[in-house]
C-alpha cells in the first residue's frame, strides 16, 4: 500500500507534515507535524474520506469503487471539466493517487 505524500497531507490538514508512519497491518497511518508532535492516527479509509472532502472544497469531485480486489478513482473538476482516472491496489490508494494528481494540476496553474 502506498501512502499519501507529506505534501498532500500538508494540504489536506493545512499544516506542515514532517513524517508519516504506516502500521504493520497497513490499515492506519500516523501523521507527525513539523514540530514532531503527532497530528493523529487515521484509519486509511477515514484518511481517504478526508482527502475526498479536501478535493471537494477545491472544486473537484472524486468517485471511487473497489472492484476485483483493486481500487479505482475518477476525479473531475467542476468548472473546467478536467478529468482523470487512477487505479490502485486498494480503493484508498486510488483516492490518494487521484488527490496527488489534483495537487500536481494545481501547481501547473
N, C-alpha and C. Protein backbone atom coordinates (compact mmCIF):
# COMPACT_ATOMS: atom_id res chain seq x y z
N UNK A 1 0.86 -1.18 0.00
CA UNK A 1 0.00 0.00 0.00
C UNK A 1 0.89 1.23 0.00
N UNK A 2 0.67 2.07 -0.95
CA UNK A 2 1.43 3.32 -0.94
C UNK A 2 0.66 4.36 -0.12
N UNK A 3 1.39 5.17 0.58
CA UNK A 3 0.78 6.19 1.44
C UNK A 3 0.70 7.51 0.69
N UNK A 4 -0.20 8.39 1.11
CA UNK A 4 -0.23 9.72 0.51
C UNK A 4 1.06 10.46 0.86
N UNK A 5 1.44 11.39 0.01
CA UNK A 5 2.68 12.14 0.25
C UNK A 5 2.51 13.13 1.41
N UNK A 6 3.64 13.54 1.96
CA UNK A 6 3.63 14.57 3.01
C UNK A 6 3.04 15.86 2.45
N UNK A 7 3.32 16.14 1.18
CA UNK A 7 2.79 17.35 0.55
C UNK A 7 1.26 17.32 0.50
N UNK A 8 0.70 16.18 0.11
CA UNK A 8 -0.76 16.07 0.05
C UNK A 8 -1.37 16.20 1.44
N UNK A 9 -0.81 15.49 2.41
CA UNK A 9 -1.36 15.56 3.77
C UNK A 9 -1.20 16.95 4.37
N UNK A 10 -0.13 17.64 4.02
CA UNK A 10 0.04 19.03 4.48
C UNK A 10 -1.09 19.89 3.94
N UNK A 11 -1.46 19.67 2.68
CA UNK A 11 -2.56 20.44 2.08
C UNK A 11 -3.90 20.06 2.71
N UNK A 12 -4.13 18.78 2.91
CA UNK A 12 -5.41 18.30 3.47
C UNK A 12 -5.60 18.81 4.90
N UNK A 13 -4.55 18.76 5.72
CA UNK A 13 -4.67 19.16 7.12
C UNK A 13 -4.27 20.62 7.37
N UNK A 14 -3.84 21.31 6.32
CA UNK A 14 -3.46 22.72 6.42
C UNK A 14 -2.39 22.96 7.50
N UNK A 15 -1.38 22.12 7.48
CA UNK A 15 -0.24 22.23 8.39
C UNK A 15 0.95 21.55 7.70
N UNK A 16 2.15 21.77 8.19
CA UNK A 16 3.32 21.11 7.61
C UNK A 16 3.47 19.72 8.21
N UNK A 17 3.37 18.71 7.36
CA UNK A 17 3.55 17.32 7.80
C UNK A 17 5.02 16.95 7.61
N UNK A 18 5.64 16.48 8.68
CA UNK A 18 7.06 16.16 8.68
C UNK A 18 7.32 14.68 8.41
N UNK A 19 6.44 13.81 8.93
CA UNK A 19 6.67 12.37 8.82
C UNK A 19 5.34 11.62 8.79
N UNK A 20 5.37 10.46 8.14
CA UNK A 20 4.20 9.58 8.05
C UNK A 20 4.65 8.17 8.39
N UNK A 21 3.89 7.48 9.22
CA UNK A 21 4.21 6.08 9.55
C UNK A 21 2.99 5.22 9.25
N UNK A 22 3.19 4.15 8.49
CA UNK A 22 2.15 3.19 8.19
C UNK A 22 2.32 2.01 9.14
N UNK A 23 1.25 1.60 9.82
CA UNK A 23 1.38 0.48 10.77
C UNK A 23 1.61 -0.83 10.04
N UNK A 24 1.99 -1.84 10.79
CA UNK A 24 2.33 -3.14 10.21
C UNK A 24 1.18 -3.76 9.44
N UNK A 25 -0.03 -3.56 9.91
CA UNK A 25 -1.20 -4.12 9.24
C UNK A 25 -1.62 -3.31 8.03
N UNK A 26 -0.95 -2.19 7.82
CA UNK A 26 -1.21 -1.27 6.72
C UNK A 26 -2.66 -0.78 6.68
N UNK A 27 -3.22 -0.57 7.88
CA UNK A 27 -4.59 -0.06 7.96
C UNK A 27 -4.66 1.30 8.62
N UNK A 28 -3.58 1.72 9.29
CA UNK A 28 -3.57 3.02 9.96
C UNK A 28 -2.30 3.78 9.63
N UNK A 29 -2.46 5.09 9.52
CA UNK A 29 -1.33 5.98 9.23
C UNK A 29 -1.22 6.99 10.36
N UNK A 30 -0.02 7.10 10.93
CA UNK A 30 0.25 8.10 11.97
C UNK A 30 0.94 9.27 11.29
N UNK A 31 0.44 10.48 11.56
CA UNK A 31 0.94 11.68 10.90
C UNK A 31 1.57 12.60 11.94
N UNK A 32 2.80 13.08 11.64
CA UNK A 32 3.52 13.97 12.55
C UNK A 32 3.69 15.34 11.92
N UNK A 33 3.52 16.36 12.75
CA UNK A 33 3.73 17.75 12.32
C UNK A 33 5.21 18.08 12.28
N UNK A 34 5.49 19.28 11.79
CA UNK A 34 6.86 19.75 11.67
C UNK A 34 7.57 19.79 13.04
N UNK A 35 6.83 20.14 14.09
CA UNK A 35 7.44 20.22 15.42
C UNK A 35 7.49 18.85 16.11
N UNK A 36 7.35 17.79 15.36
CA UNK A 36 7.38 16.38 15.79
C UNK A 36 6.21 15.96 16.67
N UNK A 37 5.23 16.82 16.86
CA UNK A 37 4.05 16.38 17.60
C UNK A 37 3.16 15.56 16.67
N UNK A 38 2.49 14.58 17.24
CA UNK A 38 1.62 13.71 16.45
C UNK A 38 0.31 14.43 16.15
N UNK A 39 0.00 14.54 14.87
CA UNK A 39 -1.26 15.15 14.44
C UNK A 39 -2.41 14.18 14.69
N UNK A 40 -2.14 12.90 14.57
CA UNK A 40 -3.16 11.89 14.82
C UNK A 40 -2.86 10.60 14.10
N UNK A 41 -3.64 9.59 14.45
CA UNK A 41 -3.57 8.29 13.79
C UNK A 41 -4.89 8.09 13.07
N UNK A 42 -4.83 7.78 11.80
CA UNK A 42 -6.03 7.69 10.97
C UNK A 42 -6.11 6.34 10.28
N UNK A 43 -7.28 5.75 10.31
CA UNK A 43 -7.56 4.57 9.51
C UNK A 43 -7.46 5.01 8.05
N UNK A 44 -6.94 4.16 7.16
CA UNK A 44 -6.73 4.57 5.77
C UNK A 44 -8.04 4.96 5.08
N UNK A 45 -9.14 4.34 5.46
CA UNK A 45 -10.43 4.69 4.85
C UNK A 45 -10.91 6.06 5.33
N UNK A 46 -10.69 6.34 6.61
CA UNK A 46 -11.03 7.66 7.16
C UNK A 46 -10.17 8.74 6.50
N UNK A 47 -8.90 8.45 6.31
CA UNK A 47 -7.99 9.40 5.68
C UNK A 47 -8.37 9.62 4.21
N UNK A 48 -8.75 8.55 3.52
CA UNK A 48 -9.19 8.68 2.13
C UNK A 48 -10.43 9.57 2.05
N UNK A 49 -11.34 9.43 3.01
CA UNK A 49 -12.54 10.27 3.04
C UNK A 49 -12.16 11.74 3.26
N UNK A 50 -11.22 11.99 4.16
CA UNK A 50 -10.76 13.37 4.40
C UNK A 50 -10.15 13.96 3.12
N UNK A 51 -9.44 13.14 2.37
CA UNK A 51 -8.87 13.61 1.11
C UNK A 51 -9.97 13.94 0.10
N UNK A 52 -11.02 13.12 0.07
CA UNK A 52 -12.15 13.40 -0.82
C UNK A 52 -12.83 14.72 -0.44
N UNK A 53 -12.99 14.96 0.86
CA UNK A 53 -13.60 16.22 1.32
C UNK A 53 -12.72 17.41 0.94
N UNK A 54 -11.41 17.26 1.08
CA UNK A 54 -10.48 18.32 0.71
C UNK A 54 -10.61 18.63 -0.78
N UNK A 55 -10.66 17.58 -1.60
CA UNK A 55 -10.80 17.77 -3.05
C UNK A 55 -12.11 18.49 -3.38
N UNK A 56 -13.17 18.12 -2.71
CA UNK A 56 -14.47 18.76 -2.94
C UNK A 56 -14.41 20.25 -2.62
N UNK A 57 -13.71 20.62 -1.56
CA UNK A 57 -13.53 22.03 -1.21
C UNK A 57 -12.71 22.80 -2.25
N UNK A 58 -11.98 22.06 -3.09
CA UNK A 58 -11.16 22.67 -4.15
C UNK A 58 -11.84 22.54 -5.52
N UNK A 59 -13.15 22.27 -5.51
CA UNK A 59 -13.96 22.14 -6.73
C UNK A 59 -13.67 20.90 -7.56
N UNK A 60 -13.18 19.85 -6.92
CA UNK A 60 -13.00 18.56 -7.58
C UNK A 60 -13.92 17.56 -6.90
N UNK A 61 -14.44 16.63 -7.69
CA UNK A 61 -15.22 15.55 -7.11
C UNK A 61 -14.54 14.23 -7.44
N UNK A 62 -14.49 13.34 -6.46
CA UNK A 62 -13.86 12.04 -6.66
C UNK A 62 -14.92 10.96 -6.44
N UNK A 63 -15.04 10.08 -7.43
CA UNK A 63 -15.87 8.88 -7.29
C UNK A 63 -14.90 7.71 -7.20
N UNK A 64 -15.15 6.82 -6.28
CA UNK A 64 -14.24 5.68 -6.14
C UNK A 64 -15.03 4.40 -5.96
N UNK A 65 -14.42 3.31 -6.43
CA UNK A 65 -15.02 1.98 -6.29
C UNK A 65 -13.92 0.97 -6.01
N UNK A 66 -14.34 -0.12 -5.43
CA UNK A 66 -13.45 -1.25 -5.23
C UNK A 66 -13.97 -2.36 -6.13
N UNK A 67 -13.11 -2.84 -7.04
CA UNK A 67 -13.56 -3.91 -7.93
C UNK A 67 -12.42 -4.89 -8.18
N UNK A 68 -12.76 -6.15 -8.18
CA UNK A 68 -11.77 -7.22 -8.38
C UNK A 68 -10.58 -7.08 -7.43
N UNK A 69 -10.87 -6.73 -6.17
CA UNK A 69 -9.86 -6.58 -5.13
C UNK A 69 -8.87 -5.45 -5.42
N UNK A 70 -9.23 -4.54 -6.29
CA UNK A 70 -8.42 -3.37 -6.60
C UNK A 70 -9.29 -2.14 -6.45
N UNK A 71 -8.69 -0.98 -6.54
CA UNK A 71 -9.45 0.26 -6.42
C UNK A 71 -9.35 1.09 -7.68
N UNK A 72 -10.37 1.90 -7.88
CA UNK A 72 -10.36 2.84 -9.00
C UNK A 72 -11.01 4.13 -8.53
N UNK A 73 -10.43 5.25 -8.92
CA UNK A 73 -10.98 6.55 -8.57
C UNK A 73 -11.01 7.43 -9.81
N UNK A 74 -12.11 8.12 -9.97
CA UNK A 74 -12.25 9.09 -11.06
C UNK A 74 -12.37 10.45 -10.41
N UNK A 75 -11.65 11.43 -10.95
CA UNK A 75 -11.66 12.78 -10.39
C UNK A 75 -12.02 13.76 -11.50
N UNK A 76 -12.87 14.72 -11.16
CA UNK A 76 -13.30 15.70 -12.16
C UNK A 76 -13.40 17.08 -11.52
N UNK A 77 -12.94 18.09 -12.26
CA UNK A 77 -13.05 19.48 -11.81
C UNK A 77 -14.41 20.02 -12.22
N UNK A 78 -15.12 20.66 -11.31
CA UNK A 78 -16.46 21.17 -11.58
C UNK A 78 -16.50 22.21 -12.68
N UNK A 79 -15.54 23.11 -12.68
CA UNK A 79 -15.61 24.28 -13.56
C UNK A 79 -15.02 24.04 -14.93
N UNK A 80 -13.84 23.44 -15.00
CA UNK A 80 -13.20 23.31 -16.32
C UNK A 80 -13.31 21.90 -16.91
N UNK A 81 -13.90 20.96 -16.19
CA UNK A 81 -14.12 19.63 -16.73
C UNK A 81 -12.89 18.75 -16.79
N UNK A 82 -11.75 19.20 -16.27
CA UNK A 82 -10.54 18.38 -16.24
C UNK A 82 -10.86 17.07 -15.53
N UNK A 83 -10.40 15.97 -16.10
CA UNK A 83 -10.80 14.67 -15.57
C UNK A 83 -9.64 13.68 -15.65
N UNK A 84 -9.58 12.74 -14.71
CA UNK A 84 -8.56 11.70 -14.72
C UNK A 84 -9.09 10.47 -14.00
N UNK A 85 -8.54 9.33 -14.33
CA UNK A 85 -8.88 8.08 -13.65
C UNK A 85 -7.58 7.50 -13.10
N UNK A 86 -7.62 7.05 -11.86
CA UNK A 86 -6.45 6.46 -11.22
C UNK A 86 -6.80 5.07 -10.69
N UNK A 87 -5.89 4.12 -10.91
CA UNK A 87 -6.06 2.77 -10.41
C UNK A 87 -5.05 2.51 -9.31
N UNK A 88 -5.47 1.81 -8.27
CA UNK A 88 -4.56 1.47 -7.19
C UNK A 88 -4.78 0.04 -6.74
N UNK A 89 -3.93 -0.41 -5.85
CA UNK A 89 -4.08 -1.76 -5.30
C UNK A 89 -5.31 -1.85 -4.41
N UNK A 90 -5.69 -0.69 -3.82
CA UNK A 90 -6.87 -0.63 -2.96
C UNK A 90 -7.65 0.64 -3.31
N UNK A 91 -8.89 0.72 -2.85
CA UNK A 91 -9.69 1.93 -3.09
C UNK A 91 -9.05 3.17 -2.46
N UNK A 92 -8.60 3.11 -1.17
CA UNK A 92 -7.95 4.30 -0.61
C UNK A 92 -6.72 4.72 -1.41
N UNK A 93 -5.92 3.76 -1.86
CA UNK A 93 -4.72 4.10 -2.63
C UNK A 93 -5.10 4.82 -3.92
N UNK A 94 -6.17 4.40 -4.58
CA UNK A 94 -6.59 5.09 -5.81
C UNK A 94 -7.08 6.50 -5.51
N UNK A 95 -7.71 6.70 -4.35
CA UNK A 95 -8.15 8.05 -3.94
C UNK A 95 -6.93 8.93 -3.68
N UNK A 96 -5.94 8.39 -2.97
CA UNK A 96 -4.72 9.16 -2.71
C UNK A 96 -4.05 9.55 -4.04
N UNK A 97 -4.00 8.62 -4.99
CA UNK A 97 -3.39 8.90 -6.29
C UNK A 97 -4.16 9.99 -7.03
N UNK A 98 -5.48 9.95 -6.95
CA UNK A 98 -6.31 10.98 -7.60
C UNK A 98 -6.02 12.35 -6.98
N UNK A 99 -5.89 12.39 -5.67
CA UNK A 99 -5.59 13.66 -4.99
C UNK A 99 -4.19 14.15 -5.31
N UNK A 100 -3.25 13.23 -5.43
CA UNK A 100 -1.88 13.60 -5.82
C UNK A 100 -1.91 14.20 -7.23
N UNK A 101 -2.70 13.59 -8.13
CA UNK A 101 -2.83 14.13 -9.48
C UNK A 101 -3.41 15.55 -9.41
N UNK A 102 -4.45 15.71 -8.60
CA UNK A 102 -5.08 17.02 -8.44
C UNK A 102 -4.08 18.05 -7.95
N UNK A 103 -3.27 17.68 -6.98
CA UNK A 103 -2.25 18.57 -6.44
C UNK A 103 -1.26 18.98 -7.54
N UNK A 104 -0.88 18.04 -8.39
CA UNK A 104 0.04 18.35 -9.49
C UNK A 104 -0.61 19.30 -10.50
N UNK A 105 -1.92 19.18 -10.70
CA UNK A 105 -2.63 20.06 -11.63
C UNK A 105 -2.70 21.48 -11.11
N UNK A 106 -2.88 21.63 -9.81
CA UNK A 106 -2.97 22.98 -9.24
C UNK A 106 -1.62 23.68 -9.30
N UNK A 107 -0.52 22.91 -9.28
CA UNK A 107 0.82 23.50 -9.41
C UNK A 107 1.04 24.04 -10.81
N UNK A 108 0.41 23.42 -11.81
CA UNK A 108 0.59 23.83 -13.20
C UNK A 108 -0.14 25.13 -13.51
N UNK A 109 -1.11 25.49 -12.69
CA UNK A 109 -1.91 26.69 -12.96
C UNK A 109 -1.26 27.92 -12.42
